[in-house]
Amino acid sequence: MVLLCFIDKISSYETAVRRDGTEFVIRVLTELVKELNDRSKKRQDRGEEANGVVFKLLVTDPGYSIQLEEYFHEEEKLKVDEWIDGQRNGVVNFGGLV
């Protein structure tokens, strides 16, 4: 089973009113990812099939997350320079590919 969690524009949830709750949610989700990955790795180390739940977490922001970046390792972060032509409302164009 694959479970996908997508949180877009995370900085919208970093307001003074929402910050604590948002930080709690991100902490729980990143711990869940780590726990499931560790469990899968242990199964593989024992020579077993690493089946079960795969949890994928994608957090995006068009700017910069102030508080929550600390929950992600550098190798888990992807910073994309984007070029927006103004015609596609936020679609990124990479050398003609849309």
C-alpha atoms as a PDB file:
ATOM      1  CA  MET A   1       0.000   0.000   0.000  1.00  0.00           C
ATOM      2  CA  VAL A   2       1.280   3.466  -0.884  1.00  0.00           C
ATOM      3  CA  LEU A   3       0.066   6.465   1.086  1.00  0.00           C
ATOM      4  CA  LEU A   4       0.797   9.900  -0.384  1.00  0.00           C
ATOM      5  CA  CYS A   5       0.642  13.116   1.609  1.00  0.00           C
ATOM      6  CA  PHE A   6       1.040  16.389  -0.272  1.00  0.00           C
ATOM      7  CA  ILE A   7       1.206  19.733   1.548  1.00  0.00           C
ATOM      8  CA  ASP A   8       1.412  22.735  -0.761  1.00  0.00           C
ATOM      9  CA  LYS A   9       2.608  26.220   0.206  1.00  0.00           C
ATOM     10  CA  ILE A  10       3.618  25.204   3.714  1.00  0.00           C
ATOM     11  CA  SER A  11       4.542  28.773   4.708  1.00  0.00           C
ATOM     12  CA  SER A  12       0.799  29.583   4.633  1.00  0.00           C
ATOM     13  CA  TYR A  13       0.518  27.447   7.758  1.00  0.00           C
ATOM     14  CA  GLU A  14       3.391  29.133   9.590  1.00  0.00           C
ATOM     15  CA  THR A  15       1.361  32.075  10.828  1.00  0.00           C
ATOM     16  CA  ALA A  16       1.424  32.947  14.517  1.00  0.00           C
ATOM     17  CA  VAL A  17      -1.962  31.264  15.024  1.00  0.00           C
ATOM     18  CA  ARG A  18      -1.150  28.079  13.060  1.00  0.00           C
ATOM     19  CA  ARG A  19       2.569  27.631  13.713  1.00  0.00           C
ATOM     20  CA  ASP A  20       2.395  25.247  16.702  1.00  0.00           C
ATOM     21  CA  GLY A  21      -0.211  22.987  15.115  1.00  0.00           C
ATOM     22  CA  THR A  22       1.615  22.951  11.793  1.00  0.00           C
ATOM     23  CA  GLU A  23       4.901  22.099  13.476  1.00  0.00           C
ATOM     24  CA  PHE A  24       3.202  19.248  15.351  1.00  0.00           C
ATOM     25  CA  VAL A  25       1.743  17.807  12.124  1.00  0.00           C
ATOM     26  CA  ILE A  26       5.077  18.019  10.256  1.00  0.00           C
ATOM     27  CA  ARG A  27       6.929  16.442  13.184  1.00  0.00           C
ATOM     28  CA  VAL A  28       4.448  13.532  13.331  1.00  0.00           C
ATOM     29  CA  LEU A  29       4.524  12.999   9.550  1.00  0.00           C
ATOM     30  CA  THR A  30       8.329  13.061   9.296  1.00  0.00           C
ATOM     31  CA  GLU A  31       8.584  10.650  12.247  1.00  0.00           C
ATOM     32  CA  LEU A  32       6.106   8.350  10.496  1.00  0.00           C
ATOM     33  CA  VAL A  33       8.207   8.390   7.328  1.00  0.00           C
ATOM     34  CA  LYS A  34      11.341   7.561   9.338  1.00  0.00           C
ATOM     35  CA  GLU A  35       9.632   4.774  11.289  1.00  0.00           C
ATOM     36  CA  LEU A  36       8.230   3.111   8.169  1.00  0.00           C
ATOM     37  CA  ASN A  37      11.563   3.405   6.338  1.00  0.00           C
ATOM     38  CA  ASP A  38      13.407   1.932   9.332  1.00  0.00           C
ATOM     39  CA  ARG A  39      10.912  -0.931   9.582  1.00  0.00           C
ATOM     40  CA  SER A  40      11.275  -1.675   5.865  1.00  0.00           C
ATOM     41  CA  LYS A  41      15.096  -1.597   6.083  1.00  0.00           C
ATOM     42  CA  LYS A  42      15.066  -4.019   9.042  1.00  0.00           C
ATOM     43  CA  ARG A  43      12.913  -6.438   7.054  1.00  0.00           C
ATOM     44  CA  GLN A  44      15.316  -6.224   4.109  1.00  0.00           C
ATOM     45  CA  ASP A  45      18.312  -6.741   6.420  1.00  0.00           C
ATOM     46  CA  ARG A  46      16.685  -9.962   7.633  1.00  0.00           C
ATOM     47  CA  GLY A  47      16.286 -11.062   4.010  1.00  0.00           C
ATOM     48  CA  GLU A  48      12.540 -10.577   4.034  1.00  0.00           C
ATOM     49  CA  GLU A  49      10.489  -8.779   1.437  1.00  0.00           C
ATOM     50  CA  ALA A  50      10.078  -5.142   2.429  1.00  0.00           C
ATOM     51  CA  ASN A  51       6.348  -5.053   1.816  1.00  0.00           C
ATOM     52  CA  GLY A  52       3.840  -3.128   3.840  1.00  0.00           C
ATOM     53  CA  VAL A  53       3.035   0.554   3.839  1.00  0.00           C
ATOM     54  CA  VAL A  54       5.056   3.047   1.827  1.00  0.00           C
ATOM     55  CA  PHE A  55       4.434   6.594   3.044  1.00  0.00           C
ATOM     56  CA  LYS A  56       5.539   9.443   0.805  1.00  0.00           C
ATOM     57  CA  LEU A  57       5.492  13.022   2.050  1.00  0.00           C
ATOM     58  CA  LEU A  58       5.885  15.984  -0.302  1.00  0.00           C
ATOM     59  CA  VAL A  59       5.956  19.485   1.147  1.00  0.00           C
ATOM     60  CA  THR A  60       6.215  22.446  -1.206  1.00  0.00           C
ATOM     61  CA  ASP A  61       6.455  26.191  -0.967  1.00  0.00           C
ATOM     62  CA  PRO A  62       6.991  28.845  -3.637  1.00  0.00           C
ATOM     63  CA  GLY A  63       9.148  30.802  -1.216  1.00  0.00           C
ATOM     64  CA  TYR A  64      10.914  29.747   1.931  1.00  0.00           C
ATOM     65  CA  SER A  65       9.604  27.898   4.957  1.00  0.00           C
ATOM     66  CA  ILE A  66      10.692  29.718   8.080  1.00  0.00           C
ATOM     67  CA  GLN A  67      10.251  27.149  10.835  1.00  0.00           C
ATOM     68  CA  LEU A  68       9.773  23.759   9.253  1.00  0.00           C
ATOM     69  CA  GLU A  69      12.906  23.241   7.180  1.00  0.00           C
ATOM     70  CA  GLU A  70      14.631  21.817  10.253  1.00  0.00           C
ATOM     71  CA  TYR A  71      12.516  18.661   9.959  1.00  0.00           C
ATOM     72  CA  PHE A  72      14.082  17.727   6.618  1.00  0.00           C
ATOM     73  CA  HIS A  73      17.674  16.727   5.874  1.00  0.00           C
ATOM     74  CA  GLU A  74      19.535  18.593   3.134  1.00  0.00           C
ATOM     75  CA  GLU A  75      19.451  15.544   0.832  1.00  0.00           C
ATOM     76  CA  GLU A  76      15.656  15.540   1.153  1.00  0.00           C
ATOM     77  CA  LYS A  77      15.315  19.119  -0.079  1.00  0.00           C
ATOM     78  CA  LEU A  78      15.051  20.122  -3.698  1.00  0.00           C
ATOM     79  CA  LYS A  79      15.218  23.770  -4.560  1.00  0.00           C
ATOM     80  CA  VAL A  80      13.925  24.481  -8.050  1.00  0.00           C
ATOM     81  CA  ASP A  81      14.679  27.697  -9.873  1.00  0.00           C
ATOM     82  CA  GLU A  82      11.584  28.412 -11.842  1.00  0.00           C
ATOM     83  CA  TRP A  83      10.790  30.452 -14.844  1.00  0.00           C
ATOM     84  CA  ILE A  84       7.183  31.530 -15.163  1.00  0.00           C
ATOM     85  CA  ASP A  85       6.041  33.032 -18.451  1.00  0.00           C
ATOM     86  CA  GLY A  86       2.917  34.609 -16.979  1.00  0.00           C
ATOM     87  CA  GLN A  87       0.570  32.631 -19.207  1.00  0.00           C
ATOM     88  CA  ARG A  88       0.176  29.393 -17.297  1.00  0.00           C
ATOM     89  CA  ASN A  89      -0.500  30.491 -13.733  1.00  0.00           C
ATOM     90  CA  GLY A  90       2.443  28.854 -11.971  1.00  0.00           C
ATOM     91  CA  VAL A  91       3.463  26.176 -14.447  1.00  0.00           C
ATOM     92  CA  VAL A  92       7.219  25.752 -14.551  1.00  0.00           C
ATOM     93  CA  ASN A  93       8.795  25.543 -18.005  1.00  0.00           C
ATOM     94  CA  PHE A  94      12.033  23.553 -18.232  1.00  0.00           C
ATOM     95  CA  GLY A  95      13.505  24.089 -21.700  1.00  0.00           C
ATOM     96  CA  GLY A  96      10.172  23.758 -23.468  1.00  0.00           C
ATOM     97  CA  LEU A  97       8.872  20.917 -21.306  1.00  0.00           C
ATOM     98  CA  VAL A  98       5.739  21.721 -19.418  1.00  0.00           C
END
